[in-house]
Protein backbone atom coordinates (compact mmCIF):
# COMPACT_ATOMS: atom_id res chain seq x y z
CA MET A 1 -15.12 8.54 25.65
CA PRO A 2 -13.88 5.52 23.68
CA THR A 3 -12.53 2.62 25.65
CA SER A 4 -9.02 1.32 25.07
CA ALA A 5 -10.53 -1.85 23.53
CA SER A 6 -12.57 0.12 20.98
CA THR A 7 -9.58 2.32 20.19
CA LEU A 8 -7.41 -0.75 19.64
CA LEU A 9 -10.10 -2.36 17.47
CA GLY A 10 -10.40 0.83 15.41
CA ARG A 11 -6.65 1.03 14.88
CA THR A 12 -6.47 -2.65 13.98
CA LEU A 13 -9.29 -2.34 11.42
CA ARG A 14 -7.78 0.79 9.87
CA PHE A 15 -4.42 -1.00 9.58
CA PHE A 16 -6.05 -4.09 8.04
CA PHE A 17 -8.16 -2.23 5.49
CA ARG A 18 -5.36 0.16 4.54
CA HIS A 19 -3.14 -2.80 3.65
CA PHE A 20 -5.97 -4.91 2.20
CA TYR A 21 -6.94 -2.24 -0.34
CA HIS A 22 -3.36 -1.22 -1.11
CA GLU A 23 -0.35 -3.51 -0.66
CA LEU A 24 -2.49 -6.65 -0.41
CA ALA A 25 -4.96 -5.69 -3.16
CA TRP A 26 -3.86 -8.75 -5.13
CA THR A 27 -5.63 -10.90 -2.48
CA TYR A 28 -8.94 -9.00 -2.74
CA ASP A 29 -10.80 -11.32 -5.13
CA VAL A 30 -9.85 -14.48 -3.25
CA VAL A 31 -10.79 -12.97 0.12
CA ALA A 32 -14.09 -11.60 -1.24
CA LEU A 33 -15.02 -14.99 -2.67
CA ALA A 34 -14.09 -16.79 0.55
CA VAL A 35 -15.93 -14.39 2.86
CA SER A 36 -19.06 -14.42 0.66
CA LEU A 37 -18.96 -18.21 0.26
CA GLY A 38 -18.55 -17.79 -3.50
CA HIS A 39 -21.36 -15.26 -4.03
CA TRP A 40 -19.32 -12.03 -4.28
CA PHE A 41 -19.48 -11.53 -8.05
CA THR A 42 -23.13 -12.59 -8.25
CA TRP A 43 -24.01 -10.04 -5.55
CA ALA A 44 -22.07 -7.30 -7.34
CA GLU A 45 -23.82 -8.01 -10.64
CA MET A 46 -27.25 -7.65 -9.02
CA VAL A 47 -26.88 -3.90 -9.56
CA LEU A 48 -26.85 -4.24 -13.38
CA PRO A 49 -30.65 -3.86 -13.93
CA TYR A 50 -30.50 -0.52 -12.10
CA VAL A 51 -27.60 1.00 -14.02
CA LYS A 52 -28.87 3.25 -16.82
CA GLY A 53 -27.23 5.24 -19.57
CA PRO A 54 -24.56 4.75 -22.17
CA GLN A 55 -21.80 6.02 -19.85
CA VAL A 56 -21.22 4.86 -16.29
CA LEU A 57 -18.81 6.08 -13.63
CA GLU A 58 -18.07 3.55 -10.90
CA LEU A 59 -16.56 4.94 -7.73
CA GLY A 60 -14.45 2.48 -5.76
CA TYR A 61 -14.28 -0.11 -8.55
CA GLY A 62 -11.77 -2.36 -6.80
CA THR A 63 -10.34 -5.00 -9.11
CA GLY A 64 -12.67 -3.99 -11.96
CA HIS A 65 -15.03 -6.96 -12.24
CA LEU A 66 -18.18 -4.86 -12.43
CA LEU A 67 -16.58 -2.40 -14.86
CA GLU A 68 -15.63 -5.27 -17.15
CA THR A 69 -19.09 -6.85 -16.86
CA MET A 70 -20.90 -3.57 -17.62
CA SER A 71 -18.68 -3.00 -20.63
CA ARG A 72 -19.03 -6.54 -21.95
CA LEU A 73 -22.68 -7.38 -21.24
CA ALA A 74 -24.38 -4.00 -21.33
CA GLY A 75 -22.12 -2.36 -23.92
CA MET A 76 -21.69 0.68 -21.69
CA HIS A 77 -18.78 3.09 -21.84
CA VAL A 78 -17.37 2.64 -18.38
CA PHE A 79 -15.13 4.87 -16.31
CA GLY A 80 -13.79 4.35 -12.84
CA LEU A 81 -12.21 6.20 -9.97
CA ASP A 82 -10.67 4.38 -7.01
CA GLU A 83 -8.67 5.49 -4.00
CA SER A 84 -6.10 2.71 -4.40
CA ARG A 85 -3.37 2.77 -7.05
CA GLN A 86 -2.97 -0.99 -6.63
CA MET A 87 -6.67 -1.57 -7.37
CA ALA A 88 -6.33 0.71 -10.42
CA HIS A 89 -3.46 -1.44 -11.68
CA LEU A 90 -5.46 -4.67 -11.19
CA ALA A 91 -8.59 -3.25 -12.85
CA LYS A 92 -6.65 -1.84 -15.79
CA ARG A 93 -4.97 -5.22 -16.31
CA ARG A 94 -8.40 -6.95 -16.19
CA LEU A 95 -9.93 -4.52 -18.72
CA VAL A 96 -6.98 -4.75 -21.10
CA GLY A 97 -7.00 -8.55 -20.80
CA SER A 98 -10.69 -8.68 -21.71
CA GLY A 99 -10.14 -6.49 -24.76
CA ARG A 100 -11.94 -3.48 -23.27
CA TYR A 101 -9.93 -0.63 -24.79
CA PRO A 102 -9.08 1.93 -23.77
CA PRO A 103 -9.11 1.18 -20.05
CA ARG A 104 -10.54 4.29 -18.42
CA VAL A 105 -9.73 3.78 -14.78
CA ALA A 106 -7.82 6.07 -12.49
CA PRO A 107 -6.69 6.07 -8.90
CA ARG A 108 -7.37 9.03 -6.67
CA PRO A 109 -4.75 11.70 -7.44
CA GLY A 110 -2.14 12.42 -4.82
CA PRO A 111 -0.36 10.32 -2.22
CA GLU A 112 -1.79 7.11 -0.84
CA MET A 113 -3.60 7.22 2.48
């Protein structure tokens, strides 16, 4: 049986992450860089040698940094699916801004969590 402290912690974390990935998605890159002491994008790009094929689907692409990098550096046709409409908006803006047309990112269909 969960204790009241663990239940409160669980509720607090769910509240935080729900807002962090949705309404506060615009803060994601800054928070990720701060928490990782500036290594976030380097860590994410460590996956590149393991990604194979001309077409790649990234699930949970967040703000789209890895999608943009795969498209630019590896010349891959990239697609993405994310649960957050706000992240989809940020990623689409990043891909359009980098000249990666057409942006092929989509949020999860249906209402937000």
